[in-house]
């Protein structure tokens, strides 16, 4: 694994699927989908176009704390509509920097207007750990002549 990998390599390994929901869906439906799919965010799409993202953080800050009802609040009322995204050609390092600077954990990947996937901070950290483990093993083999 290459520590300087581009996002397309991660998507090739993990898959390019992304869970999406309509802006008209209820927040309860969104939270249920996140729980069912074991994800922390959903892309909000309309006519196959990205219009926003909704995360567990959005739910807690914009519904729970404000005393709104999950059953009657629409996703469009709480989604984050200003969504930063990357392309498959962005590097892992670029994505980590973007996520760190802007304090979010999920990053949509677009090819033009088409959704190519989504990466999480966990995906990126796991990639780096695997790359470092591989590099350490190669160095140990090089130095000792014995596979690690």
N, C-alpha and C. Protein backbone atom coordinates (compact mmCIF):
# COMPACT_ATOMS: atom_id res chain seq x y z
N UNK A 1 0.84 -1.19 0.00
CA UNK A 1 0.00 0.00 0.00
C UNK A 1 0.88 1.24 0.00
N UNK A 2 0.49 2.16 -0.81
CA UNK A 2 1.24 3.38 -1.00
C UNK A 2 0.75 4.47 -0.04
N UNK A 3 1.65 5.01 0.81
CA UNK A 3 1.21 6.08 1.72
C UNK A 3 0.83 7.36 0.99
N UNK A 4 1.28 7.49 -0.26
CA UNK A 4 0.94 8.67 -1.06
C UNK A 4 -0.16 8.36 -2.06
N UNK A 5 -1.03 7.43 -1.71
CA UNK A 5 -2.07 6.96 -2.61
C UNK A 5 -3.08 8.04 -2.94
N UNK A 6 -3.78 7.81 -4.05
CA UNK A 6 -4.89 8.67 -4.41
C UNK A 6 -6.18 7.96 -3.98
N UNK A 7 -7.23 8.73 -3.86
CA UNK A 7 -8.49 8.24 -3.33
C UNK A 7 -9.08 7.12 -4.18
N UNK A 8 -8.83 7.12 -5.47
CA UNK A 8 -9.35 6.04 -6.31
C UNK A 8 -8.84 4.68 -5.84
N UNK A 9 -7.62 4.62 -5.30
CA UNK A 9 -7.08 3.36 -4.78
C UNK A 9 -7.89 2.88 -3.58
N UNK A 10 -8.28 3.79 -2.71
CA UNK A 10 -9.09 3.42 -1.54
C UNK A 10 -10.47 2.97 -2.00
N UNK A 11 -11.07 3.69 -2.94
CA UNK A 11 -12.39 3.31 -3.43
C UNK A 11 -12.35 1.95 -4.13
N UNK A 12 -11.25 1.66 -4.83
CA UNK A 12 -11.11 0.35 -5.48
C UNK A 12 -11.09 -0.77 -4.44
N UNK A 13 -10.48 -0.50 -3.29
CA UNK A 13 -10.38 -1.50 -2.24
C UNK A 13 -11.68 -1.62 -1.44
N UNK A 14 -12.24 -0.51 -1.03
CA UNK A 14 -13.42 -0.55 -0.14
C UNK A 14 -14.74 -0.60 -0.90
N UNK A 15 -14.70 -0.21 -2.16
CA UNK A 15 -15.92 -0.14 -2.94
C UNK A 15 -16.34 1.31 -3.12
N UNK A 16 -17.03 1.56 -4.20
CA UNK A 16 -17.37 2.95 -4.52
C UNK A 16 -18.79 3.31 -4.13
N UNK A 17 -19.46 2.41 -3.45
CA UNK A 17 -20.83 2.69 -3.05
C UNK A 17 -20.91 3.77 -1.99
N UNK A 18 -22.00 4.48 -2.00
CA UNK A 18 -22.27 5.49 -0.98
C UNK A 18 -23.75 5.43 -0.67
N UNK A 19 -24.09 5.45 0.59
CA UNK A 19 -25.49 5.43 0.99
C UNK A 19 -26.07 6.83 0.84
N UNK A 20 -27.21 6.90 0.18
CA UNK A 20 -27.84 8.19 -0.11
C UNK A 20 -29.27 8.21 0.39
N UNK A 21 -29.75 9.42 0.64
CA UNK A 21 -31.13 9.62 1.08
C UNK A 21 -31.67 10.89 0.43
N UNK A 22 -32.97 10.95 0.30
CA UNK A 22 -33.64 12.11 -0.30
C UNK A 22 -33.76 13.23 0.72
N UNK A 23 -33.73 14.47 0.27
CA UNK A 23 -33.93 15.60 1.19
C UNK A 23 -35.34 15.61 1.78
N UNK A 24 -36.28 14.92 1.14
CA UNK A 24 -37.66 14.87 1.62
C UNK A 24 -37.87 13.82 2.71
N UNK A 25 -36.91 12.91 2.88
CA UNK A 25 -37.04 11.87 3.90
C UNK A 25 -37.03 12.51 5.28
N UNK A 26 -37.55 11.78 6.25
CA UNK A 26 -37.51 12.30 7.62
C UNK A 26 -36.15 12.03 8.23
N UNK A 27 -35.83 12.80 9.24
CA UNK A 27 -34.58 12.61 9.96
C UNK A 27 -34.57 11.22 10.61
N UNK A 28 -35.72 10.77 11.08
CA UNK A 28 -35.79 9.43 11.67
C UNK A 28 -35.39 8.37 10.64
N UNK A 29 -35.85 8.52 9.40
CA UNK A 29 -35.46 7.58 8.34
C UNK A 29 -33.95 7.63 8.10
N UNK A 30 -33.39 8.82 8.14
CA UNK A 30 -31.95 8.98 7.93
C UNK A 30 -31.16 8.31 9.05
N UNK A 31 -31.56 8.57 10.28
CA UNK A 31 -30.86 7.98 11.43
C UNK A 31 -30.99 6.46 11.41
N UNK A 32 -32.18 5.97 11.05
CA UNK A 32 -32.39 4.52 10.96
C UNK A 32 -31.49 3.92 9.89
N UNK A 33 -31.36 4.58 8.74
CA UNK A 33 -30.50 4.09 7.67
C UNK A 33 -29.04 4.08 8.12
N UNK A 34 -28.62 5.14 8.79
CA UNK A 34 -27.24 5.17 9.29
C UNK A 34 -26.98 4.01 10.24
N UNK A 35 -27.94 3.75 11.12
CA UNK A 35 -27.79 2.64 12.07
C UNK A 35 -27.77 1.30 11.33
N UNK A 36 -28.69 1.12 10.39
CA UNK A 36 -28.77 -0.14 9.63
C UNK A 36 -27.51 -0.40 8.82
N UNK A 37 -26.95 0.64 8.24
CA UNK A 37 -25.78 0.50 7.37
C UNK A 37 -24.46 0.67 8.14
N UNK A 38 -24.57 1.00 9.42
CA UNK A 38 -23.39 1.20 10.27
C UNK A 38 -22.45 2.27 9.70
N UNK A 39 -23.04 3.41 9.35
CA UNK A 39 -22.28 4.54 8.84
C UNK A 39 -22.63 5.78 9.65
N UNK A 40 -21.76 6.78 9.60
CA UNK A 40 -21.97 7.99 10.37
C UNK A 40 -22.51 9.15 9.57
N UNK A 41 -22.70 8.94 8.25
CA UNK A 41 -23.21 10.02 7.40
C UNK A 41 -23.84 9.44 6.15
N UNK A 42 -24.76 10.20 5.59
CA UNK A 42 -25.41 9.83 4.33
C UNK A 42 -25.29 11.00 3.37
N UNK A 43 -25.10 10.69 2.10
CA UNK A 43 -25.15 11.73 1.10
C UNK A 43 -26.61 12.02 0.80
N UNK A 44 -26.95 13.27 0.67
CA UNK A 44 -28.32 13.66 0.35
C UNK A 44 -28.34 13.99 -1.14
N UNK A 45 -29.19 13.26 -1.86
CA UNK A 45 -29.21 13.41 -3.32
C UNK A 45 -30.63 13.69 -3.81
N UNK A 46 -30.65 14.42 -4.91
CA UNK A 46 -31.90 14.71 -5.61
C UNK A 46 -31.61 14.55 -7.09
N UNK A 47 -32.36 13.67 -7.76
CA UNK A 47 -32.11 13.37 -9.18
C UNK A 47 -30.66 12.97 -9.41
N UNK A 48 -30.14 12.13 -8.53
CA UNK A 48 -28.77 11.60 -8.60
C UNK A 48 -27.68 12.68 -8.49
N UNK A 49 -28.04 13.83 -7.99
CA UNK A 49 -27.05 14.91 -7.78
C UNK A 49 -26.90 15.16 -6.29
N UNK A 50 -25.68 15.38 -5.87
CA UNK A 50 -25.39 15.66 -4.47
C UNK A 50 -25.91 17.05 -4.10
N UNK A 51 -26.77 17.09 -3.08
CA UNK A 51 -27.29 18.38 -2.62
C UNK A 51 -26.90 18.66 -1.18
N UNK A 52 -26.31 17.67 -0.51
CA UNK A 52 -25.90 17.87 0.86
C UNK A 52 -25.43 16.58 1.50
N UNK A 53 -25.18 16.68 2.79
CA UNK A 53 -24.76 15.53 3.57
C UNK A 53 -25.41 15.66 4.95
N UNK A 54 -25.78 14.55 5.53
CA UNK A 54 -26.33 14.55 6.87
C UNK A 54 -25.53 13.55 7.70
N UNK A 55 -25.14 13.98 8.88
CA UNK A 55 -24.31 13.13 9.74
C UNK A 55 -24.95 12.99 11.12
N UNK A 56 -24.42 12.08 11.87
CA UNK A 56 -24.87 11.92 13.25
C UNK A 56 -24.68 13.23 14.02
N UNK A 57 -23.64 13.94 13.71
CA UNK A 57 -23.39 15.23 14.35
C UNK A 57 -24.48 16.23 14.03
N UNK A 58 -24.93 16.26 12.75
CA UNK A 58 -26.04 17.14 12.37
C UNK A 58 -27.28 16.79 13.19
N UNK A 59 -27.53 15.50 13.34
CA UNK A 59 -28.70 15.05 14.09
C UNK A 59 -28.64 15.54 15.54
N UNK A 60 -27.53 15.31 16.19
CA UNK A 60 -27.46 15.69 17.61
C UNK A 60 -27.52 17.20 17.80
N UNK A 61 -26.89 17.95 16.94
CA UNK A 61 -26.83 19.40 17.10
C UNK A 61 -28.05 20.15 16.58
N UNK A 62 -28.69 19.61 15.56
CA UNK A 62 -29.79 20.33 14.92
C UNK A 62 -31.17 19.76 15.20
N UNK A 63 -31.22 18.59 15.81
CA UNK A 63 -32.51 17.99 16.15
C UNK A 63 -32.61 17.77 17.64
N UNK A 64 -31.74 16.94 18.19
CA UNK A 64 -31.83 16.57 19.60
C UNK A 64 -31.70 17.79 20.50
N UNK A 65 -30.64 18.55 20.34
CA UNK A 65 -30.39 19.70 21.22
C UNK A 65 -31.48 20.77 21.07
N UNK A 66 -32.03 20.91 19.87
CA UNK A 66 -33.05 21.94 19.64
C UNK A 66 -34.47 21.44 19.91
N UNK A 67 -34.59 20.18 20.35
CA UNK A 67 -35.89 19.65 20.71
C UNK A 67 -36.84 19.42 19.55
N UNK A 68 -36.29 19.21 18.34
CA UNK A 68 -37.14 18.93 17.19
C UNK A 68 -37.54 17.46 17.20
N UNK A 69 -38.59 17.14 16.45
CA UNK A 69 -39.07 15.76 16.37
C UNK A 69 -38.46 15.06 15.15
N UNK A 70 -37.82 13.94 15.38
CA UNK A 70 -37.19 13.18 14.30
C UNK A 70 -38.19 12.68 13.28
N UNK A 71 -39.41 12.39 13.73
CA UNK A 71 -40.43 11.82 12.84
C UNK A 71 -41.02 12.86 11.89
N UNK A 72 -40.94 14.12 12.25
CA UNK A 72 -41.57 15.15 11.42
C UNK A 72 -40.59 16.14 10.81
N UNK A 73 -39.34 16.07 11.18
CA UNK A 73 -38.33 16.96 10.61
C UNK A 73 -37.75 16.32 9.35
N UNK A 74 -37.74 17.08 8.26
CA UNK A 74 -37.20 16.58 7.00
C UNK A 74 -35.68 16.73 6.98
N UNK A 75 -35.04 15.83 6.28
CA UNK A 75 -33.59 15.88 6.11
C UNK A 75 -33.16 17.24 5.57
N UNK A 76 -33.93 17.79 4.63
CA UNK A 76 -33.56 19.07 4.02
C UNK A 76 -33.49 20.22 5.03
N UNK A 77 -34.14 20.06 6.18
CA UNK A 77 -34.13 21.10 7.21
C UNK A 77 -32.82 21.12 8.01
N UNK A 78 -32.09 20.02 8.01
CA UNK A 78 -30.89 19.98 8.85
C UNK A 78 -29.61 19.59 8.11
N UNK A 79 -29.72 19.26 6.83
CA UNK A 79 -28.52 18.82 6.11
C UNK A 79 -27.49 19.93 6.01
N UNK A 80 -26.27 19.54 5.81
CA UNK A 80 -25.19 20.50 5.52
C UNK A 80 -25.16 20.63 4.01
N UNK A 81 -25.52 21.81 3.50
CA UNK A 81 -25.62 21.98 2.05
C UNK A 81 -24.32 22.43 1.41
N UNK A 82 -23.46 23.04 2.17
CA UNK A 82 -22.15 23.44 1.62
C UNK A 82 -21.21 22.26 1.84
N UNK A 83 -21.14 21.38 0.85
CA UNK A 83 -20.38 20.14 0.99
C UNK A 83 -19.08 20.24 0.21
N UNK A 84 -17.98 20.18 0.93
CA UNK A 84 -16.70 20.07 0.26
C UNK A 84 -16.57 18.65 -0.24
N UNK A 85 -15.96 18.49 -1.40
CA UNK A 85 -15.77 17.17 -1.96
C UNK A 85 -14.41 17.10 -2.64
N UNK A 86 -14.02 15.89 -2.97
CA UNK A 86 -12.75 15.67 -3.68
C UNK A 86 -13.03 14.82 -4.91
N UNK A 87 -11.99 14.63 -5.69
CA UNK A 87 -12.07 13.75 -6.86
C UNK A 87 -11.27 12.49 -6.56
N UNK A 88 -11.40 11.46 -7.37
CA UNK A 88 -10.60 10.25 -7.16
C UNK A 88 -9.09 10.50 -7.29
N UNK A 89 -8.70 11.62 -7.89
CA UNK A 89 -7.28 11.92 -8.07
C UNK A 89 -6.64 12.61 -6.86
N UNK A 90 -7.46 13.05 -5.91
CA UNK A 90 -6.89 13.67 -4.70
C UNK A 90 -6.11 12.63 -3.91
N UNK A 91 -5.10 13.08 -3.20
CA UNK A 91 -4.30 12.15 -2.39
C UNK A 91 -4.91 11.98 -1.00
N UNK A 92 -4.50 10.91 -0.35
CA UNK A 92 -4.92 10.66 1.03
C UNK A 92 -4.51 11.84 1.90
N UNK A 93 -3.30 12.33 1.72
CA UNK A 93 -2.80 13.45 2.53
C UNK A 93 -3.65 14.70 2.32
N UNK A 94 -4.01 14.99 1.07
CA UNK A 94 -4.85 16.16 0.79
C UNK A 94 -6.21 16.04 1.49
N UNK A 95 -6.78 14.85 1.45
CA UNK A 95 -8.09 14.63 2.07
C UNK A 95 -8.00 14.74 3.59
N UNK A 96 -6.96 14.17 4.17
CA UNK A 96 -6.78 14.29 5.62
C UNK A 96 -6.66 15.75 6.04
N UNK A 97 -5.91 16.52 5.29
CA UNK A 97 -5.73 17.94 5.59
C UNK A 97 -7.07 18.67 5.50
N UNK A 98 -7.82 18.42 4.46
CA UNK A 98 -9.13 19.05 4.27
C UNK A 98 -10.08 18.70 5.42
N UNK A 99 -10.11 17.44 5.80
CA UNK A 99 -11.00 16.99 6.87
C UNK A 99 -10.58 17.58 8.22
N UNK A 100 -9.30 17.64 8.45
CA UNK A 100 -8.79 18.20 9.71
C UNK A 100 -9.06 19.70 9.78
N UNK A 101 -8.76 20.41 8.70
CA UNK A 101 -8.95 21.86 8.69
C UNK A 101 -10.41 22.28 8.85
N UNK A 102 -11.33 21.46 8.31
CA UNK A 102 -12.74 21.83 8.33
C UNK A 102 -13.58 21.05 9.35
N UNK A 103 -12.93 20.19 10.12
CA UNK A 103 -13.57 19.46 11.22
C UNK A 103 -14.76 18.61 10.78
N UNK A 104 -14.57 17.80 9.75
CA UNK A 104 -15.61 16.83 9.40
C UNK A 104 -14.96 15.48 9.16
N UNK A 105 -15.79 14.44 9.17
CA UNK A 105 -15.29 13.06 9.15
C UNK A 105 -15.64 12.29 7.89
N UNK A 106 -16.43 12.87 7.01
CA UNK A 106 -16.87 12.18 5.80
C UNK A 106 -16.70 13.11 4.61
N UNK A 107 -16.19 12.54 3.53
CA UNK A 107 -15.84 13.36 2.37
C UNK A 107 -16.35 12.69 1.09
N UNK A 108 -17.34 13.30 0.44
CA UNK A 108 -17.82 12.74 -0.83
C UNK A 108 -16.74 12.83 -1.91
N UNK A 109 -16.75 11.84 -2.77
CA UNK A 109 -15.82 11.80 -3.90
C UNK A 109 -16.67 11.90 -5.17
N UNK A 110 -16.40 12.92 -5.96
CA UNK A 110 -17.17 13.16 -7.19
C UNK A 110 -16.28 13.11 -8.41
N UNK A 111 -16.85 12.57 -9.49
CA UNK A 111 -16.24 12.66 -10.81
C UNK A 111 -17.18 13.51 -11.64
N UNK A 112 -16.85 14.77 -11.78
CA UNK A 112 -17.80 15.71 -12.38
C UNK A 112 -18.96 15.86 -11.41
N UNK A 113 -20.17 15.60 -11.89
CA UNK A 113 -21.36 15.65 -11.02
C UNK A 113 -21.74 14.28 -10.49
N UNK A 114 -21.04 13.23 -10.94
CA UNK A 114 -21.38 11.86 -10.56
C UNK A 114 -20.70 11.49 -9.24
N UNK A 115 -21.46 10.88 -8.33
CA UNK A 115 -20.91 10.43 -7.06
C UNK A 115 -20.08 9.17 -7.30
N UNK A 116 -18.80 9.26 -6.96
CA UNK A 116 -17.89 8.12 -7.14
C UNK A 116 -17.75 7.32 -5.85
N UNK A 117 -18.14 7.91 -4.73
CA UNK A 117 -18.04 7.22 -3.44
C UNK A 117 -17.94 8.23 -2.32
N UNK A 118 -17.56 7.72 -1.16
CA UNK A 118 -17.36 8.56 0.02
C UNK A 118 -16.24 7.92 0.83
N UNK A 119 -15.40 8.76 1.42
CA UNK A 119 -14.36 8.25 2.32
C UNK A 119 -14.55 8.90 3.68
N UNK A 120 -14.24 8.11 4.69
CA UNK A 120 -14.32 8.61 6.06
C UNK A 120 -12.90 8.79 6.59
N UNK A 121 -12.80 9.50 7.68
CA UNK A 121 -11.50 9.68 8.33
C UNK A 121 -10.94 8.31 8.71
N UNK A 122 -11.82 7.39 9.10
CA UNK A 122 -11.39 6.03 9.44
C UNK A 122 -10.79 5.30 8.26
N UNK A 123 -11.39 5.47 7.07
CA UNK A 123 -10.84 4.85 5.86
C UNK A 123 -9.42 5.34 5.61
N UNK A 124 -9.22 6.65 5.76
CA UNK A 124 -7.91 7.23 5.48
C UNK A 124 -6.87 6.81 6.52
N UNK A 125 -7.25 6.81 7.78
CA UNK A 125 -6.33 6.39 8.84
C UNK A 125 -5.96 4.92 8.67
N UNK A 126 -6.95 4.08 8.38
CA UNK A 126 -6.66 2.66 8.16
C UNK A 126 -5.72 2.45 6.98
N UNK A 127 -5.89 3.23 5.92
CA UNK A 127 -5.01 3.14 4.76
C UNK A 127 -3.57 3.49 5.16
N UNK A 128 -3.42 4.56 5.90
CA UNK A 128 -2.08 5.00 6.31
C UNK A 128 -1.43 3.96 7.23
N UNK A 129 -2.20 3.41 8.17
CA UNK A 129 -1.65 2.39 9.08
C UNK A 129 -1.18 1.18 8.27
N UNK A 130 -1.99 0.74 7.31
CA UNK A 130 -1.60 -0.40 6.47
C UNK A 130 -0.35 -0.09 5.65
N UNK A 131 -0.29 1.12 5.12
CA UNK A 131 0.87 1.52 4.33
C UNK A 131 2.13 1.55 5.20
N UNK A 132 2.00 2.07 6.42
CA UNK A 132 3.16 2.12 7.32
C UNK A 132 3.58 0.73 7.75
N UNK A 133 2.64 -0.15 8.02
CA UNK A 133 2.95 -1.53 8.39
C UNK A 133 3.70 -2.22 7.26
N UNK A 134 3.25 -2.01 6.05
CA UNK A 134 3.90 -2.60 4.88
C UNK A 134 5.32 -2.06 4.72
N UNK A 135 5.49 -0.76 4.88
CA UNK A 135 6.82 -0.15 4.76
C UNK A 135 7.76 -0.68 5.84
N UNK A 136 7.28 -0.79 7.06
CA UNK A 136 8.11 -1.31 8.16
C UNK A 136 8.53 -2.74 7.86
N UNK A 137 7.62 -3.55 7.38
CA UNK A 137 7.93 -4.94 7.05
C UNK A 137 8.98 -5.02 5.95
N UNK A 138 8.84 -4.19 4.93
CA UNK A 138 9.81 -4.17 3.84
C UNK A 138 11.19 -3.74 4.34
N UNK A 139 11.21 -2.74 5.21
CA UNK A 139 12.50 -2.28 5.76
C UNK A 139 13.15 -3.35 6.64
N UNK A 140 12.34 -4.06 7.43
CA UNK A 140 12.89 -5.12 8.27
C UNK A 140 13.48 -6.24 7.39
N UNK A 141 12.78 -6.57 6.33
CA UNK A 141 13.29 -7.59 5.41
C UNK A 141 14.59 -7.12 4.76
N UNK A 142 14.64 -5.87 4.36
CA UNK A 142 15.82 -5.31 3.73
C UNK A 142 17.01 -5.32 4.69
N UNK A 143 16.77 -4.88 5.92
CA UNK A 143 17.86 -4.77 6.90
C UNK A 143 18.33 -6.14 7.38
N UNK A 144 17.41 -7.03 7.72
CA UNK A 144 17.78 -8.31 8.31
C UNK A 144 17.89 -9.43 7.30
N UNK A 145 17.27 -9.26 6.15
CA UNK A 145 17.24 -10.34 5.17
C UNK A 145 16.22 -11.41 5.52
N UNK A 146 15.48 -11.17 6.62
CA UNK A 146 14.47 -12.13 7.06
C UNK A 146 13.11 -11.46 6.99
N UNK A 147 12.15 -12.10 6.30
CA UNK A 147 10.81 -11.49 6.23
C UNK A 147 10.23 -11.28 7.62
N UNK A 148 9.60 -10.10 7.83
CA UNK A 148 9.02 -9.72 9.12
C UNK A 148 7.74 -10.35 9.31
